[in-house]
Structures are given as C-alpha cells and as structure tokens.
PDB file of N, CA and C in Angstrom:
ATOM      1  N   VAL A   1     117.854 -49.588 209.763  1.00  0.00           N
ATOM      2  CA  VAL A   1     118.295 -48.170 210.207  1.00  0.00           C
ATOM      3  C   VAL A   1     118.450 -47.470 208.831  1.00  0.00           C
ATOM      4  N   GLN A   2     117.712 -46.247 208.995  1.00  0.00           N
ATOM      5  CA  GLN A   2     117.806 -45.412 207.644  1.00  0.00           C
ATOM      6  C   GLN A   2     117.906 -43.876 208.101  1.00  0.00           C
ATOM      7  N   PHE A   3     118.733 -43.222 207.152  1.00  0.00           N
ATOM      8  CA  PHE A   3     119.030 -41.783 207.415  1.00  0.00           C
ATOM      9  C   PHE A   3     118.616 -41.127 205.950  1.00  0.00           C
ATOM     10  N   VAL A   4     117.799 -40.151 206.066  1.00  0.00           N
ATOM     11  CA  VAL A   4     117.465 -39.442 204.790  1.00  0.00           C
ATOM     12  C   VAL A   4     117.699 -37.932 205.053  1.00  0.00           C
ATOM     13  N   GLU A   5     118.736 -37.380 204.401  1.00  0.00           N
ATOM     14  CA  GLU A   5     119.147 -35.985 204.536  1.00  0.00           C
ATOM     15  C   GLU A   5     118.442 -35.171 203.479  1.00  0.00           C
ATOM     16  N   SER A   6     118.090 -33.953 203.754  1.00  0.00           N
ATOM     17  CA  SER A   6     117.536 -33.036 202.866  1.00  0.00           C
ATOM     18  C   SER A   6     117.805 -31.541 203.227  1.00  0.00           C
ATOM     19  N   GLY A   7     117.394 -30.762 202.242  1.00  0.00           N
ATOM     20  CA  GLY A   7     117.600 -29.254 202.562  1.00  0.00           C
ATOM     21  C   GLY A   7     118.870 -28.666 201.947  1.00  0.00           C
ATOM     22  N   GLY A   8     119.662 -29.343 201.269  1.00  0.00           N
ATOM     23  CA  GLY A   8     120.803 -28.756 200.632  1.00  0.00           C
ATOM     24  C   GLY A   8     120.452 -27.942 199.399  1.00  0.00           C
ATOM     25  N   GLY A   9     121.333 -27.302 198.811  1.00  0.00           N
ATOM     26  CA  GLY A   9     121.158 -26.483 197.637  1.00  0.00           C
ATOM     27  C   GLY A   9     122.298 -25.596 197.334  1.00  0.00           C
ATOM     28  N   LEU A  10     121.981 -24.639 196.313  1.00  0.00           N
ATOM     29  CA  LEU A  10     123.037 -23.619 196.054  1.00  0.00           C
ATOM     30  C   LEU A  10     122.662 -22.366 196.773  1.00  0.00           C
ATOM     31  N   VAL A  11     123.711 -21.740 197.451  1.00  0.00           N
ATOM     32  CA  VAL A  11     123.550 -20.525 198.179  1.00  0.00           C
ATOM     33  C   VAL A  11     124.753 -19.700 197.892  1.00  0.00           C
ATOM     34  N   GLN A  12     124.506 -18.356 198.043  1.00  0.00           N
ATOM     35  CA  GLN A  12     125.680 -17.439 197.951  1.00  0.00           C
ATOM     36  C   GLN A  12     126.405 -17.399 199.151  1.00  0.00           C
ATOM     37  N   PRO A  13     127.678 -16.920 199.131  1.00  0.00           N
ATOM     38  CA  PRO A  13     128.404 -16.798 200.368  1.00  0.00           C
ATOM     39  C   PRO A  13     127.776 -15.767 201.282  1.00  0.00           C
ATOM     40  N   GLY A  14     127.756 -16.147 202.530  1.00  0.00           N
ATOM     41  CA  GLY A  14     127.107 -15.300 203.655  1.00  0.00           C
ATOM     42  C   GLY A  14     125.570 -15.751 203.750  1.00  0.00           C
ATOM     43  N   GLY A  15     125.126 -16.685 202.960  1.00  0.00           N
ATOM     44  CA  GLY A  15     123.679 -17.248 203.010  1.00  0.00           C
ATOM     45  C   GLY A  15     123.636 -18.180 204.077  1.00  0.00           C
ATOM     46  N   SER A  16     122.424 -18.785 204.175  1.00  0.00           N
ATOM     47  CA  SER A  16     122.025 -19.673 205.181  1.00  0.00           C
ATOM     48  C   SER A  16     121.253 -20.881 204.598  1.00  0.00           C
ATOM     49  N   LEU A  17     121.366 -21.979 205.180  1.00  0.00           N
ATOM     50  CA  LEU A  17     120.590 -23.218 204.859  1.00  0.00           C
ATOM     51  C   LEU A  17     120.254 -23.969 206.048  1.00  0.00           C
ATOM     52  N   ARG A  18     119.146 -24.761 206.093  1.00  0.00           N
ATOM     53  CA  ARG A  18     118.775 -25.667 207.194  1.00  0.00           C
ATOM     54  C   ARG A  18     118.646 -27.024 206.583  1.00  0.00           C
ATOM     55  N   LEU A  19     119.586 -27.900 207.102  1.00  0.00           N
ATOM     56  CA  LEU A  19     119.481 -29.356 206.670  1.00  0.00           C
ATOM     57  C   LEU A  19     118.649 -30.098 207.730  1.00  0.00           C
ATOM     58  N   SER A  20     117.968 -31.110 207.129  1.00  0.00           N
ATOM     59  CA  SER A  20     117.167 -31.893 207.925  1.00  0.00           C
ATOM     60  C   SER A  20     117.679 -33.344 207.644  1.00  0.00           C
ATOM     61  N   CYS A  21     117.613 -34.307 208.745  1.00  0.00           N
ATOM     62  CA  CYS A  21     117.811 -35.735 208.669  1.00  0.00           C
ATOM     63  C   CYS A  21     116.809 -36.396 209.388  1.00  0.00           C
ATOM     64  N   THR A  22     115.925 -37.127 208.519  1.00  0.00           N
ATOM     65  CA  THR A  22     114.832 -37.906 209.146  1.00  0.00           C
ATOM     66  C   THR A  22     115.407 -39.349 209.218  1.00  0.00           C
ATOM     67  N   THR A  23     115.192 -39.946 210.448  1.00  0.00           N
ATOM     68  CA  THR A  23     115.629 -41.404 210.654  1.00  0.00           C
ATOM     69  C   THR A  23     114.483 -42.316 210.981  1.00  0.00           C
ATOM     70  N   SER A  24     114.932 -43.488 210.869  1.00  0.00           N
ATOM     71  CA  SER A  24     113.938 -44.569 211.106  1.00  0.00           C
ATOM     72  C   SER A  24     114.703 -45.934 211.433  1.00  0.00           C
ATOM     73  N   GLY A  25     113.973 -46.882 212.196  1.00  0.00           N
ATOM     74  CA  GLY A  25     114.534 -48.148 212.355  1.00  0.00           C
ATOM     75  C   GLY A  25     115.496 -48.290 213.712  1.00  0.00           C
ATOM     76  N   PHE A  26     115.317 -47.257 214.570  1.00  0.00           N
ATOM     77  CA  PHE A  26     115.953 -47.308 215.839  1.00  0.00           C
ATOM     78  C   PHE A  26     115.315 -46.327 216.744  1.00  0.00           C
ATOM     79  N   THR A  27     115.557 -46.483 218.017  1.00  0.00           N
ATOM     80  CA  THR A  27     114.982 -45.580 219.087  1.00  0.00           C
ATOM     81  C   THR A  27     115.841 -44.322 219.056  1.00  0.00           C
ATOM     82  N   PHE A  28     115.423 -43.305 218.258  1.00  0.00           N
ATOM     83  CA  PHE A  28     116.099 -42.096 218.044  1.00  0.00           C
ATOM     84  C   PHE A  28     116.610 -41.359 219.245  1.00  0.00           C
ATOM     85  N   SER A  29     115.738 -41.271 220.217  1.00  0.00           N
ATOM     86  CA  SER A  29     116.088 -40.473 221.509  1.00  0.00           C
ATOM     87  C   SER A  29     117.245 -41.151 222.218  1.00  0.00           C
ATOM     88  N   SER A  30     117.601 -42.382 221.951  1.00  0.00           N
ATOM     89  CA  SER A  30     118.537 -43.034 222.775  1.00  0.00           C
ATOM     90  C   SER A  30     119.854 -42.880 222.249  1.00  0.00           C
ATOM     91  N   TYR A  31     120.089 -42.274 221.060  1.00  0.00           N
ATOM     92  CA  TYR A  31     121.365 -42.192 220.383  1.00  0.00           C
ATOM     93  C   TYR A  31     121.906 -40.748 220.216  1.00  0.00           C
ATOM     94  N   ASN A  32     123.144 -40.535 220.324  1.00  0.00           N
ATOM     95  CA  ASN A  32     123.738 -39.408 219.834  1.00  0.00           C
ATOM     96  C   ASN A  32     123.746 -39.410 218.295  1.00  0.00           C
ATOM     97  N   MET A  33     123.723 -38.118 217.857  1.00  0.00           N
ATOM     98  CA  MET A  33     123.708 -38.115 216.450  1.00  0.00           C
ATOM     99  C   MET A  33     124.888 -37.088 215.934  1.00  0.00           C
ATOM    100  N   ARG A  34     125.250 -37.249 214.714  1.00  0.00           N
ATOM    101  CA  ARG A  34     126.345 -36.495 214.200  1.00  0.00           C
ATOM    102  C   ARG A  34     126.153 -36.001 212.796  1.00  0.00           C
ATOM    103  N   TRP A  35     126.450 -34.797 212.396  1.00  0.00           N
ATOM    104  CA  TRP A  35     126.546 -34.413 211.000  1.00  0.00           C
ATOM    105  C   TRP A  35     128.080 -34.418 210.595  1.00  0.00           C
ATOM    106  N   TYR A  36     128.206 -35.102 209.377  1.00  0.00           N
ATOM    107  CA  TYR A  36     129.509 -35.047 208.658  1.00  0.00           C
ATOM    108  C   TYR A  36     129.387 -34.353 207.362  1.00  0.00           C
ATOM    109  N   ARG A  37     130.600 -34.043 206.691  1.00  0.00           N
ATOM    110  CA  ARG A  37     130.512 -33.470 205.325  1.00  0.00           C
ATOM    111  C   ARG A  37     131.774 -34.143 204.512  1.00  0.00           C
ATOM    112  N   GLN A  38     131.535 -34.183 203.342  1.00  0.00           N
ATOM    113  CA  GLN A  38     132.672 -34.638 202.456  1.00  0.00           C
ATOM    114  C   GLN A  38     132.762 -33.754 201.210  1.00  0.00           C
ATOM    115  N   ALA A  39     133.928 -33.054 201.124  1.00  0.00           N
ATOM    116  CA  ALA A  39     134.068 -32.264 199.986  1.00  0.00           C
ATOM    117  C   ALA A  39     134.901 -33.029 198.977  1.00  0.00           C
ATOM    118  N   PRO A  40     134.848 -32.664 197.662  1.00  0.00           N
ATOM    119  CA  PRO A  40     135.389 -33.380 196.488  1.00  0.00           C
ATOM    120  C   PRO A  40     136.932 -33.564 196.828  1.00  0.00           C
ATOM    121  N   GLY A  41     137.398 -34.785 196.725  1.00  0.00           N
ATOM    122  CA  GLY A  41     138.732 -35.005 196.924  1.00  0.00           C
ATOM    123  C   GLY A  41     139.236 -35.114 198.360  1.00  0.00           C
ATOM    124  N   LYS A  42     138.409 -34.942 199.319  1.00  0.00           N
ATOM    125  CA  LYS A  42     138.735 -34.912 200.656  1.00  0.00           C
ATOM    126  C   LYS A  42     138.041 -36.005 201.447  1.00  0.00           C
ATOM    127  N   GLU A  43     138.573 -36.290 202.709  1.00  0.00           N
ATOM    128  CA  GLU A  43     137.951 -37.366 203.493  1.00  0.00           C
ATOM    129  C   GLU A  43     136.732 -36.748 204.191  1.00  0.00           C
ATOM    130  N   ARG A  44     135.806 -37.678 204.583  1.00  0.00           N
ATOM    131  CA  ARG A  44     134.648 -37.240 205.341  1.00  0.00           C
ATOM    132  C   ARG A  44     135.018 -36.602 206.806  1.00  0.00           C
ATOM    133  N   GLU A  45     134.490 -35.499 207.078  1.00  0.00           N
ATOM    134  CA  GLU A  45     134.916 -34.921 208.301  1.00  0.00           C
ATOM    135  C   GLU A  45     133.690 -34.684 209.308  1.00  0.00           C
ATOM    136  N   ILE A  46     133.871 -34.745 210.580  1.00  0.00           N
ATOM    137  CA  ILE A  46     132.782 -34.490 211.415  1.00  0.00           C
ATOM    138  C   ILE A  46     132.504 -32.904 211.488  1.00  0.00           C
ATOM    139  N   VAL A  47     131.160 -32.598 211.487  1.00  0.00           N
ATOM    140  CA  VAL A  47     130.878 -31.222 211.593  1.00  0.00           C
ATOM    141  C   VAL A  47     130.327 -30.772 213.004  1.00  0.00           C
ATOM    142  N   ALA A  48     129.359 -31.548 213.377  1.00  0.00           N
ATOM    143  CA  ALA A  48     128.741 -31.327 214.710  1.00  0.00           C
ATOM    144  C   ALA A  48     128.159 -32.685 215.282  1.00  0.00           C
ATOM    145  N   SER A  49     127.900 -32.585 216.595  1.00  0.00           N
ATOM    146  CA  SER A  49     127.321 -33.760 217.249  1.00  0.00           C
ATOM    147  C   SER A  49     126.330 -33.305 218.331  1.00  0.00           C
ATOM    148  N   ILE A  50     125.351 -34.108 218.762  1.00  0.00           N
ATOM    149  CA  ILE A  50     124.357 -33.725 219.706  1.00  0.00           C
ATOM    150  C   ILE A  50     124.034 -35.034 220.450  1.00  0.00           C
ATOM    151  N   GLY A  51     123.866 -34.805 221.712  1.00  0.00           N
ATOM    152  CA  GLY A  51     123.473 -35.958 222.671  1.00  0.00           C
ATOM    153  C   GLY A  51     122.006 -36.222 222.418  1.00  0.00           C
ATOM    154  N   GLY A  52     121.624 -37.368 222.958  1.00  0.00           N
ATOM    155  CA  GLY A  52     120.247 -38.027 222.892  1.00  0.00           C
ATOM    156  C   GLY A  52     119.239 -36.989 223.344  1.00  0.00           C
ATOM    157  N   THR A  53     119.458 -36.323 224.360  1.00  0.00           N
ATOM    158  CA  THR A  53     118.416 -35.344 224.915  1.00  0.00           C
ATOM    159  C   THR A  53     118.566 -33.915 224.272  1.00  0.00           C
ATOM    160  N   GLY A  54     119.620 -33.725 223.502  1.00  0.00           N
ATOM    161  CA  GLY A  54     119.929 -32.414 222.780  1.00  0.00           C
ATOM    162  C   GLY A  54     120.568 -31.538 223.804  1.00  0.00           C
ATOM    163  N   GLY A  55     121.011 -31.871 224.989  1.00  0.00           N
ATOM    164  CA  GLY A  55     121.596 -31.001 225.912  1.00  0.00           C
ATOM    165  C   GLY A  55     123.173 -30.826 225.702  1.00  0.00           C
ATOM    166  N   THR A  56     123.806 -31.811 225.075  1.00  0.00           N
ATOM    167  CA  THR A  56     125.244 -31.713 224.722  1.00  0.00           C
ATOM    168  C   THR A  56     125.426 -31.521 223.266  1.00  0.00           C
ATOM    169  N   LYS A  57     126.225 -30.507 222.998  1.00  0.00           N
ATOM    170  CA  LYS A  57     126.441 -30.193 221.491  1.00  0.00           C
ATOM    171  C   LYS A  57     127.898 -29.923 221.338  1.00  0.00           C
ATOM    172  N   ASN A  58     128.516 -30.294 220.315  1.00  0.00           N
ATOM    173  CA  ASN A  58     129.886 -30.108 219.985  1.00  0.00           C
ATOM    174  C   ASN A  58     130.014 -29.765 218.467  1.00  0.00           C
ATOM    175  N   TYR A  59     130.947 -28.899 218.276  1.00  0.00           N
ATOM    176  CA  TYR A  59     131.176 -28.452 216.861  1.00  0.00           C
ATOM    177  C   TYR A  59     132.626 -28.550 216.452  1.00  0.00           C
ATOM    178  N   ALA A  60     132.837 -28.736 215.107  1.00  0.00           N
ATOM    179  CA  ALA A  60     134.263 -28.640 214.658  1.00  0.00           C
ATOM    180  C   ALA A  60     134.634 -27.225 214.650  1.00  0.00           C
ATOM    181  N   ASP A  61     135.910 -26.841 214.806  1.00  0.00           N
ATOM    182  CA  ASP A  61     136.318 -25.372 214.941  1.00  0.00           C
ATOM    183  C   ASP A  61     135.964 -24.641 213.702  1.00  0.00           C
ATOM    184  N   LEU A  62     136.064 -25.285 212.535  1.00  0.00           N
ATOM    185  CA  LEU A  62     135.788 -24.533 211.343  1.00  0.00           C
ATOM    186  C   LEU A  62     134.308 -24.020 211.213  1.00  0.00           C
ATOM    187  N   VAL A  63     133.243 -24.559 211.931  1.00  0.00           N
ATOM    188  CA  VAL A  63     132.008 -24.182 211.865  1.00  0.00           C
ATOM    189  C   VAL A  63     131.407 -23.534 213.158  1.00  0.00           C
ATOM    190  N   LYS A  64     132.156 -23.656 214.190  1.00  0.00           N
ATOM    191  CA  LYS A  64     131.753 -23.031 215.508  1.00  0.00           C
ATOM    192  C   LYS A  64     131.345 -21.618 215.341  1.00  0.00           C
ATOM    193  N   GLY A  65     130.210 -21.281 215.880  1.00  0.00           N
ATOM    194  CA  GLY A  65     129.598 -20.001 215.887  1.00  0.00           C
ATOM    195  C   GLY A  65     128.838 -19.633 214.618  1.00  0.00           C
ATOM    196  N   ARG A  66     128.918 -20.561 213.720  1.00  0.00           N
ATOM    197  CA  ARG A  66     128.042 -20.398 212.375  1.00  0.00           C
ATOM    198  C   ARG A  66     127.038 -21.523 212.259  1.00  0.00           C
ATOM    199  N   PHE A  67     127.238 -22.652 212.700  1.00  0.00           N
ATOM    200  CA  PHE A  67     126.396 -23.750 212.484  1.00  0.00           C
ATOM    201  C   PHE A  67     125.747 -24.065 213.916  1.00  0.00           C
ATOM    202  N   THR A  68     124.526 -24.515 213.884  1.00  0.00           N
ATOM    203  CA  THR A  68     123.788 -24.918 215.117  1.00  0.00           C
ATOM    204  C   THR A  68     123.108 -26.337 214.898  1.00  0.00           C
ATOM    205  N   ILE A  69     123.447 -27.300 215.622  1.00  0.00           N
ATOM    206  CA  ILE A  69     122.789 -28.585 215.550  1.00  0.00           C
ATOM    207  C   ILE A  69     121.647 -28.674 216.572  1.00  0.00           C
ATOM    208  N   SER A  70     120.491 -29.369 216.246  1.00  0.00           N
ATOM    209  CA  SER A  70     119.505 -29.502 217.015  1.00  0.00           C
ATOM    210  C   SER A  70     118.721 -30.828 216.671  1.00  0.00           C
ATOM    211  N   ARG A  71     117.776 -31.277 217.509  1.00  0.00           N
ATOM    212  CA  ARG A  71     117.046 -32.341 217.166  1.00  0.00           C
ATOM    213  C   ARG A  71     115.618 -32.199 217.842  1.00  0.00           C
ATOM    214  N   ASP A  72     114.713 -33.009 217.065  1.00  0.00           N
ATOM    215  CA  ASP A  72     113.295 -33.138 217.551  1.00  0.00           C
ATOM    216  C   ASP A  72     113.014 -34.534 217.721  1.00  0.00           C
ATOM    217  N   ASN A  73     113.057 -35.116 218.965  1.00  0.00           N
ATOM    218  CA  ASN A  73     112.937 -36.547 219.158  1.00  0.00           C
ATOM    219  C   ASN A  73     111.505 -36.915 218.892  1.00  0.00           C
ATOM    220  N   ALA A  74     110.547 -36.028 218.862  1.00  0.00           N
ATOM    221  CA  ALA A  74     109.128 -36.546 218.533  1.00  0.00           C
ATOM    222  C   ALA A  74     109.084 -36.849 217.021  1.00  0.00           C
ATOM    223  N   LYS A  75     110.063 -36.150 216.227  1.00  0.00           N
ATOM    224  CA  LYS A  75     109.901 -36.332 214.804  1.00  0.00           C
ATOM    225  C   LYS A  75     110.986 -37.196 214.265  1.00  0.00           C
ATOM    226  N   ASN A  76     111.908 -37.790 215.188  1.00  0.00           N
ATOM    227  CA  ASN A  76     113.043 -38.581 214.852  1.00  0.00           C
ATOM    228  C   ASN A  76     113.953 -37.898 213.796  1.00  0.00           C
ATOM    229  N   THR A  77     114.226 -36.594 214.032  1.00  0.00           N
ATOM    230  CA  THR A  77     114.906 -35.672 213.096  1.00  0.00           C
ATOM    231  C   THR A  77     115.984 -34.899 213.700  1.00  0.00           C
ATOM    232  N   VAL A  78     117.010 -34.886 213.121  1.00  0.00           N
ATOM    233  CA  VAL A  78     118.150 -33.919 213.454  1.00  0.00           C
ATOM    234  C   VAL A  78     118.349 -32.858 212.497  1.00  0.00           C
ATOM    235  N   TYR A  79     118.719 -31.673 212.827  1.00  0.00           N
ATOM    236  CA  TYR A  79     118.767 -30.419 211.972  1.00  0.00           C
ATOM    237  C   TYR A  79     120.179 -29.968 212.094  1.00  0.00           C
ATOM    238  N   LEU A  80     120.607 -29.305 210.933  1.00  0.00           N
ATOM    239  CA  LEU A  80     121.804 -28.458 211.023  1.00  0.00           C
ATOM    240  C   LEU A  80     121.498 -27.129 210.350  1.00  0.00           C
ATOM    241  N   GLN A  81     121.494 -26.018 211.243  1.00  0.00           N
ATOM    242  CA  GLN A  81     121.204 -24.783 210.823  1.00  0.00           C
ATOM    243  C   GLN A  81     122.683 -24.105 210.444  1.00  0.00           C
ATOM    244  N   MET A  82     122.798 -23.757 209.149  1.00  0.00           N
ATOM    245  CA  MET A  82     124.050 -23.221 208.729  1.00  0.00           C
ATOM    246  C   MET A  82     123.931 -21.789 208.284  1.00  0.00           C
ATOM    247  N   ASN A  83     124.593 -20.895 208.962  1.00  0.00           N
ATOM    248  CA  ASN A  83     124.659 -19.494 208.763  1.00  0.00           C
ATOM    249  C   ASN A  83     126.077 -19.030 208.264  1.00  0.00           C
ATOM    250  N   SER A  84     126.145 -17.787 207.649  1.00  0.00           N
ATOM    251  CA  SER A  84     127.367 -17.248 207.221  1.00  0.00           C
ATOM    252  C   SER A  84     128.178 -18.218 206.337  1.00  0.00           C
ATOM    253  N   LEU A  85     127.503 -18.830 205.456  1.00  0.00           N
ATOM    254  CA  LEU A  85     128.158 -20.002 204.596  1.00  0.00           C
ATOM    255  C   LEU A  85     129.278 -19.308 203.866  1.00  0.00           C
ATOM    256  N   LYS A  86     130.363 -20.209 203.726  1.00  0.00           N
ATOM    257  CA  LYS A  86     131.475 -19.840 202.956  1.00  0.00           C
ATOM    258  C   LYS A  86     131.624 -20.821 201.817  1.00  0.00           C
ATOM    259  N   PRO A  87     132.423 -20.617 200.782  1.00  0.00           N
ATOM    260  CA  PRO A  87     132.756 -21.468 199.611  1.00  0.00           C
ATOM    261  C   PRO A  87     133.296 -22.723 200.152  1.00  0.00           C
ATOM    262  N   GLU A  88     134.203 -22.634 201.156  1.00  0.00           N
ATOM    263  CA  GLU A  88     134.778 -23.967 201.760  1.00  0.00           C
ATOM    264  C   GLU A  88     133.788 -24.812 202.507  1.00  0.00           C
ATOM    265  N   ASP A  89     132.538 -24.383 202.685  1.00  0.00           N
ATOM    266  CA  ASP A  89     131.579 -25.307 203.259  1.00  0.00           C
ATOM    267  C   ASP A  89     130.913 -26.102 202.204  1.00  0.00           C
ATOM    268  N   THR A  90     131.266 -25.979 200.955  1.00  0.00           N
ATOM    269  CA  THR A  90     130.843 -26.814 199.831  1.00  0.00           C
ATOM    270  C   THR A  90     131.231 -28.223 200.162  1.00  0.00           C
ATOM    271  N   ALA A  91     130.113 -29.105 200.137  1.00  0.00           N
ATOM    272  CA  ALA A  91     130.402 -30.563 200.321  1.00  0.00           C
ATOM    273  C   ALA A  91     128.907 -31.238 200.377  1.00  0.00           C
ATOM    274  N   VAL A  92     129.075 -32.585 200.405  1.00  0.00           N
ATOM    275  CA  VAL A  92     127.891 -33.419 200.639  1.00  0.00           C
ATOM    276  C   VAL A  92     127.843 -33.651 202.180  1.00  0.00           C
ATOM    277  N   TYR A  93     126.542 -33.352 202.649  1.00  0.00           N
ATOM    278  CA  TYR A  93     126.448 -33.402 204.091  1.00  0.00           C
ATOM    279  C   TYR A  93     125.692 -34.649 204.490  1.00  0.00           C
ATOM    280  N   TYR A  94     126.099 -35.429 205.463  1.00  0.00           N
ATOM    281  CA  TYR A  94     125.546 -36.656 205.903  1.00  0.00           C
ATOM    282  C   TYR A  94     125.310 -36.690 207.443  1.00  0.00           C
ATOM    283  N   CYS A  95     124.233 -37.372 207.790  1.00  0.00           N
ATOM    284  CA  CYS A  95     124.078 -37.526 209.204  1.00  0.00           C
ATOM    285  C   CYS A  95     124.140 -39.051 209.600  1.00  0.00           C
ATOM    286  N   THR A  96     124.456 -39.388 210.767  1.00  0.00           N
ATOM    287  CA  THR A  96     124.460 -40.693 211.218  1.00  0.00           C
ATOM    288  C   THR A  96     124.385 -40.788 212.746  1.00  0.00           C
ATOM    289  N   ALA A  97     124.083 -42.096 213.319  1.00  0.00           N
ATOM    290  CA  ALA A  97     124.161 -42.309 214.720  1.00  0.00           C
ATOM    291  C   ALA A  97     125.549 -43.153 214.770  1.00  0.00           C
ATOM    292  N   PRO A  98     126.661 -42.419 215.422  1.00  0.00           N
ATOM    293  CA  PRO A  98     127.931 -43.067 215.293  1.00  0.00           C
ATOM    294  C   PRO A  98     127.985 -44.457 215.913  1.00  0.00           C
ATOM    295  N   THR A  99     127.179 -44.748 216.981  1.00  0.00           N
ATOM    296  CA  THR A  99     127.237 -46.085 217.522  1.00  0.00           C
ATOM    297  C   THR A  99     126.461 -47.097 216.811  1.00  0.00           C
ATOM    298  N   LEU A 100     125.648 -46.743 215.753  1.00  0.00           N
ATOM    299  CA  LEU A 100     124.895 -47.637 214.972  1.00  0.00           C
ATOM    300  C   LEU A 100     125.649 -47.811 213.563  1.00  0.00           C
ATOM    301  N   GLY A 101     126.216 -46.813 213.036  1.00  0.00           N
ATOM    302  CA  GLY A 101     126.785 -46.867 211.703  1.00  0.00           C
ATOM    303  C   GLY A 101     125.735 -46.742 210.729  1.00  0.00           C
ATOM    304  N   GLY A 102     126.264 -46.641 209.391  1.00  0.00           N
ATOM    305  CA  GLY A 102     125.426 -46.416 208.376  1.00  0.00           C
ATOM    306  C   GLY A 102     125.257 -45.028 207.866  1.00  0.00           C
ATOM    307  N   TRP A 103     124.931 -44.863 206.546  1.00  0.00           N
ATOM    308  CA  TRP A 103     124.851 -43.631 205.921  1.00  0.00           C
ATOM    309  C   TRP A 103     123.749 -43.476 205.021  1.00  0.00           C
ATOM    310  N   GLY A 104     123.214 -42.219 204.929  1.00  0.00           N
ATOM    311  CA  GLY A 104     122.227 -41.928 203.982  1.00  0.00           C
ATOM    312  C   GLY A 104     122.874 -41.528 202.675  1.00  0.00           C
ATOM    313  N   GLN A 105     122.068 -40.957 201.781  1.00  0.00           N
ATOM    314  CA  GLN A 105     122.578 -40.556 200.477  1.00  0.00           C
ATOM    315  C   GLN A 105     123.355 -39.236 200.564  1.00  0.00           C
ATOM    316  N   GLY A 106     123.072 -38.499 201.696  1.00  0.00           N
ATOM    317  CA  GLY A 106     123.629 -37.168 201.736  1.00  0.00           C
ATOM    318  C   GLY A 106     122.854 -36.057 201.037  1.00  0.00           C
ATOM    319  N   THR A 107     123.087 -34.780 201.420  1.00  0.00           N
ATOM    320  CA  THR A 107     122.535 -33.669 200.658  1.00  0.00           C
ATOM    321  C   THR A 107     123.590 -32.755 200.171  1.00  0.00           C
ATOM    322  N   GLN A 108     123.646 -32.281 199.008  1.00  0.00           N
ATOM    323  CA  GLN A 108     124.655 -31.457 198.492  1.00  0.00           C
ATOM    324  C   GLN A 108     124.464 -30.047 198.921  1.00  0.00           C
ATOM    325  N   VAL A 109     125.526 -29.346 199.381  1.00  0.00           N
ATOM    326  CA  VAL A 109     125.472 -27.968 199.700  1.00  0.00           C
ATOM    327  C   VAL A 109     126.608 -27.410 198.882  1.00  0.00           C
ATOM    328  N   THR A 110     126.228 -26.310 198.156  1.00  0.00           N
ATOM    329  CA  THR A 110     127.162 -25.602 197.250  1.00  0.00           C
ATOM    330  C   THR A 110     127.109 -24.187 197.553  1.00  0.00           C
ATOM    331  N   VAL A 111     128.252 -23.578 197.946  1.00  0.00           N
ATOM    332  CA  VAL A 111     128.181 -22.160 198.360  1.00  0.00           C
ATOM    333  C   VAL A 111     129.151 -21.504 197.143  1.00  0.00           C
ATOM    334  N   SER A 112     128.399 -20.634 196.444  1.00  0.00           N
ATOM    335  CA  SER A 112     129.074 -20.102 195.284  1.00  0.00           C
ATOM    336  C   SER A 112     128.344 -18.800 194.846  1.00  0.00           C
ATOM    337  N   SER A 113     129.132 -17.772 194.340  1.00  0.00           N
ATOM    338  CA  SER A 113     128.463 -16.609 193.924  1.00  0.00           C
ATOM    339  C   SER A 113     128.278 -16.747 192.401  1.00  0.00           C
TER     340      SER A 113
END
C-alpha cells in the first residue's frame, strides 16, 4: 500500500492550492479516503473524507466551505482543492485509506504573506 501526496507549496492568504494523492497496492475504488494535516507542535487532525464512489463527503468545521475533496477512481487518486487559504491552514497534509492504515511522506502547505 502506497500513498504519494503532491501539490503543496507556499501561497499567500486567500490563495488556492490543489493537492493530489496517488495511491497503489489496493483496490482504490473500494475504500473510503481521508485527508489529514499536522501543524508544527500539534496532533494530526482529519480534514476531509470521501466514500468509495465519491458520493459521500465530510469536512472538518475549520475547512467547511473552503476545501473540496474529490477522487478519480480511474487514476487511483484523491484530491483536495483548497480555497481561501488562511495562515492557520499551514501544515503537512497527508492522505490515507483509514481502514488500511499507513501514511505517505505528506506535502507541505505554507500560507504566509
């Protein structure tokens, strides 16, 4: 099982980024997927989740209305579109299939002017 996150970077407050997580080693469409983030000195927290077909989506209150999770089962990839970014969104972002476990290397998102 492998998760490879990408798309992070440095962005100004109010900006946007689109994260991608490409997976391998399991039947992607059969699994719910989640995005998590971990800021320096803080515990890892869930950001968003999506069902196997993409029909069920849930978001943490802190990102609701600003972030959108989606998936492409043909590409074994889950995405996180992040709009209206705030400095408090600064963190390393990870994806995982919660019932499989395991983590990738994450992708750093820094929101700063």
